[in-house]
Amino acid sequence: QVQLVEFGGGLVQAGGSLRLSCATSGIIFSINAMGWFRQAPGKQRELVASISSAGVINYAVSVKGRFTISRDNAKKTVYLQMNSLKFEDTAVYYCNTRRDGGIWSNYWGQGTQVTVSS
């Protein structure tokens, strides 16, 4: 059974930082790509960062230079370091998984709320 558990969100002032974590189980973490998505109220869920099994990283333009995705295969955990947070980063953040070159899974955790006050 695949489980994705996100945590680390919270309320932060604009310009602040947060580090999100996503603990996984039920997948062969080391051979899977991982991604962080977010969904703001009234908006579609969007991919903000991804990291392949080999460590190839991609970012959405809106977060490039401010967010850093990383992974720890031994802990089966993916992280998202978010710096210089802006009001528009406010959203529920989710992680997801896929095989390299595949499509994102239908497994979603409960997400973690990030609220940035202006």
C-alpha atoms as a PDB file:
ATOM      1  CA  GLN A   1       0.000   0.000   0.000  1.00  0.00           C
ATOM      2  CA  VAL A   2       1.444   3.313  -1.098  1.00  0.00           C
ATOM      3  CA  GLN A   3       1.509   6.038   1.530  1.00  0.00           C
ATOM      4  CA  LEU A   4       2.737   9.589   1.132  1.00  0.00           C
ATOM      5  CA  VAL A   5       2.781  11.686   4.295  1.00  0.00           C
ATOM      6  CA  GLU A   6       3.596  15.363   4.025  1.00  0.00           C
ATOM      7  CA  PHE A   7       4.483  17.577   6.973  1.00  0.00           C
ATOM      8  CA  GLY A   8       6.355  20.726   7.876  1.00  0.00           C
ATOM      9  CA  GLY A   9       3.904  23.370   6.728  1.00  0.00           C
ATOM     10  CA  GLY A  10       2.791  26.301   8.792  1.00  0.00           C
ATOM     11  CA  LEU A  11       2.249  30.032   8.989  1.00  0.00           C
ATOM     12  CA  VAL A  12       5.204  32.198   8.045  1.00  0.00           C
ATOM     13  CA  GLN A  13       5.743  35.838   7.193  1.00  0.00           C
ATOM     14  CA  ALA A  14       6.677  36.867   3.684  1.00  0.00           C
ATOM     15  CA  GLY A  15      10.413  36.466   3.211  1.00  0.00           C
ATOM     16  CA  GLY A  16      10.575  33.575   5.633  1.00  0.00           C
ATOM     17  CA  SER A  17      11.450  29.929   5.136  1.00  0.00           C
ATOM     18  CA  LEU A  18       9.925  26.520   5.651  1.00  0.00           C
ATOM     19  CA  ARG A  19      11.126  22.992   5.028  1.00  0.00           C
ATOM     20  CA  LEU A  20       8.596  20.422   3.943  1.00  0.00           C
ATOM     21  CA  SER A  21       9.100  16.686   4.207  1.00  0.00           C
ATOM     22  CA  CYS A  22       7.305  13.787   2.561  1.00  0.00           C
ATOM     23  CA  ALA A  23       7.777  10.353   4.042  1.00  0.00           C
ATOM     24  CA  THR A  24       6.912   7.457   1.780  1.00  0.00           C
ATOM     25  CA  SER A  25       6.144   3.776   2.097  1.00  0.00           C
ATOM     26  CA  GLY A  26       4.976   1.091  -0.270  1.00  0.00           C
ATOM     27  CA  ILE A  27       7.172   2.227  -3.168  1.00  0.00           C
ATOM     28  CA  ILE A  28      10.697   1.410  -4.287  1.00  0.00           C
ATOM     29  CA  PHE A  29      11.763   4.921  -3.453  1.00  0.00           C
ATOM     30  CA  SER A  30      15.248   4.783  -4.947  1.00  0.00           C
ATOM     31  CA  ILE A  31      14.030   4.093  -8.477  1.00  0.00           C
ATOM     32  CA  ASN A  32      11.156   6.557  -8.442  1.00  0.00           C
ATOM     33  CA  ALA A  33      11.056  10.205  -9.314  1.00  0.00           C
ATOM     34  CA  MET A  34       9.427  12.419  -6.709  1.00  0.00           C
ATOM     35  CA  GLY A  35       7.603  15.682  -7.058  1.00  0.00           C
ATOM     36  CA  TRP A  36       6.104  18.465  -4.975  1.00  0.00           C
ATOM     37  CA  PHE A  37       2.776  19.907  -6.066  1.00  0.00           C
ATOM     38  CA  ARG A  38       0.678  22.678  -4.605  1.00  0.00           C
ATOM     39  CA  GLN A  39      -2.921  23.755  -4.821  1.00  0.00           C
ATOM     40  CA  ALA A  40      -4.124  27.200  -3.858  1.00  0.00           C
ATOM     41  CA  PRO A  41      -7.813  27.922  -3.222  1.00  0.00           C
ATOM     42  CA  GLY A  42      -9.721  28.115  -6.486  1.00  0.00           C
ATOM     43  CA  LYS A  43      -6.724  27.035  -8.543  1.00  0.00           C
ATOM     44  CA  GLN A  44      -5.589  23.819 -10.169  1.00  0.00           C
ATOM     45  CA  ARG A  45      -2.914  21.701  -8.594  1.00  0.00           C
ATOM     46  CA  GLU A  46       0.475  22.540 -10.072  1.00  0.00           C
ATOM     47  CA  LEU A  47       3.869  20.882 -10.080  1.00  0.00           C
ATOM     48  CA  VAL A  48       6.478  23.075  -8.412  1.00  0.00           C
ATOM     49  CA  ALA A  49       9.526  20.816  -8.282  1.00  0.00           C
ATOM     50  CA  SER A  50      10.606  17.327  -9.235  1.00  0.00           C
ATOM     51  CA  ILE A  51      13.650  15.159  -8.763  1.00  0.00           C
ATOM     52  CA  SER A  52      14.397  12.004 -10.709  1.00  0.00           C
ATOM     53  CA  SER A  53      15.908   8.853  -9.281  1.00  0.00           C
ATOM     54  CA  ALA A  54      19.250  10.042 -10.648  1.00  0.00           C
ATOM     55  CA  GLY A  55      18.893  13.457  -9.073  1.00  0.00           C
ATOM     56  CA  VAL A  56      17.857  15.454 -12.124  1.00  0.00           C
ATOM     57  CA  ILE A  57      15.866  18.420 -10.844  1.00  0.00           C
ATOM     58  CA  ASN A  58      13.278  20.694 -12.415  1.00  0.00           C
ATOM     59  CA  TYR A  59      11.473  23.684 -10.961  1.00  0.00           C
ATOM     60  CA  ALA A  60       8.486  25.738 -11.933  1.00  0.00           C
ATOM     61  CA  VAL A  61       9.516  29.191 -13.044  1.00  0.00           C
ATOM     62  CA  SER A  62       7.622  30.735 -10.139  1.00  0.00           C
ATOM     63  CA  VAL A  63       9.802  29.037  -7.518  1.00  0.00           C
ATOM     64  CA  LYS A  64      13.157  28.709  -9.269  1.00  0.00           C
ATOM     65  CA  GLY A  65      15.925  30.211  -7.190  1.00  0.00           C
ATOM     66  CA  ARG A  66      13.838  30.144  -4.013  1.00  0.00           C
ATOM     67  CA  PHE A  67      12.879  26.480  -3.538  1.00  0.00           C
ATOM     68  CA  THR A  68      15.193  23.482  -3.348  1.00  0.00           C
ATOM     69  CA  ILE A  69      14.052  19.886  -3.700  1.00  0.00           C
ATOM     70  CA  SER A  70      16.161  17.054  -2.341  1.00  0.00           C
ATOM     71  CA  ARG A  71      15.804  13.401  -1.489  1.00  0.00           C
ATOM     72  CA  ASP A  72      17.170  10.921   1.014  1.00  0.00           C
ATOM     73  CA  ASN A  73      16.880   7.419  -0.396  1.00  0.00           C
ATOM     74  CA  ALA A  74      17.846   5.792   2.881  1.00  0.00           C
ATOM     75  CA  LYS A  75      14.973   7.533   4.649  1.00  0.00           C
ATOM     76  CA  LYS A  76      12.612   7.253   1.661  1.00  0.00           C
ATOM     77  CA  THR A  77      11.881  10.918   2.117  1.00  0.00           C
ATOM     78  CA  VAL A  78      11.761  13.910  -0.199  1.00  0.00           C
ATOM     79  CA  TYR A  79      12.186  17.480   1.012  1.00  0.00           C
ATOM     80  CA  LEU A  80      11.296  20.934  -0.194  1.00  0.00           C
ATOM     81  CA  GLN A  81      13.262  23.816   1.248  1.00  0.00           C
ATOM     82  CA  MET A  82      11.324  26.999   0.629  1.00  0.00           C
ATOM     83  CA  ASN A  83      13.080  30.334   1.073  1.00  0.00           C
ATOM     84  CA  SER A  84      12.036  33.917   0.379  1.00  0.00           C
ATOM     85  CA  LEU A  85       8.412  32.879   0.640  1.00  0.00           C
ATOM     86  CA  LYS A  86       5.795  35.067  -0.982  1.00  0.00           C
ATOM     87  CA  PHE A  87       2.102  35.492  -0.303  1.00  0.00           C
ATOM     88  CA  GLU A  88       1.369  33.696  -3.577  1.00  0.00           C
ATOM     89  CA  ASP A  89       3.138  30.569  -2.303  1.00  0.00           C
ATOM     90  CA  THR A  90       0.190  30.040   0.037  1.00  0.00           C
ATOM     91  CA  ALA A  91      -1.291  26.630  -0.801  1.00  0.00           C
ATOM     92  CA  VAL A  92      -1.637  23.054   0.298  1.00  0.00           C
ATOM     93  CA  TYR A  93       1.529  21.217  -0.694  1.00  0.00           C
ATOM     94  CA  TYR A  94       1.519  17.570  -1.747  1.00  0.00           C
ATOM     95  CA  CYS A  95       4.141  15.106  -2.855  1.00  0.00           C
ATOM     96  CA  ASN A  96       3.721  12.460  -5.508  1.00  0.00           C
ATOM     97  CA  THR A  97       5.739   9.769  -7.173  1.00  0.00           C
ATOM     98  CA  ARG A  98       6.254   8.223 -10.585  1.00  0.00           C
ATOM     99  CA  ARG A  99       8.694   6.008 -12.383  1.00  0.00           C
ATOM    100  CA  ASP A 100      11.283   8.023 -14.297  1.00  0.00           C
ATOM    101  CA  GLY A 101       9.659   9.028 -17.575  1.00  0.00           C
ATOM    102  CA  GLY A 102       6.258   7.848 -16.409  1.00  0.00           C
ATOM    103  CA  ILE A 103       3.166   9.699 -15.277  1.00  0.00           C
ATOM    104  CA  TRP A 104       2.410  10.904 -11.773  1.00  0.00           C
ATOM    105  CA  SER A 105       0.527   8.431  -9.641  1.00  0.00           C
ATOM    106  CA  ASN A 106      -3.012   8.653  -8.306  1.00  0.00           C
ATOM    107  CA  TYR A 107      -1.683   8.441  -4.773  1.00  0.00           C
ATOM    108  CA  TRP A 108      -2.047  11.650  -2.828  1.00  0.00           C
ATOM    109  CA  GLY A 109      -1.441  12.304   0.825  1.00  0.00           C
ATOM    110  CA  GLN A 110      -3.335  14.727   3.009  1.00  0.00           C
ATOM    111  CA  GLY A 111      -0.988  17.546   2.099  1.00  0.00           C
ATOM    112  CA  THR A 112       0.487  20.182   4.357  1.00  0.00           C
ATOM    113  CA  GLN A 113      -0.810  23.750   4.515  1.00  0.00           C
ATOM    114  CA  VAL A 114       1.618  26.585   3.870  1.00  0.00           C
ATOM    115  CA  THR A 115       0.312  30.043   4.655  1.00  0.00           C
ATOM    116  CA  VAL A 116       2.428  33.097   3.931  1.00  0.00           C
ATOM    117  CA  SER A 117       1.297  36.345   5.478  1.00  0.00           C
ATOM    118  CA  SER A 118       2.082  39.534   3.633  1.00  0.00           C
END
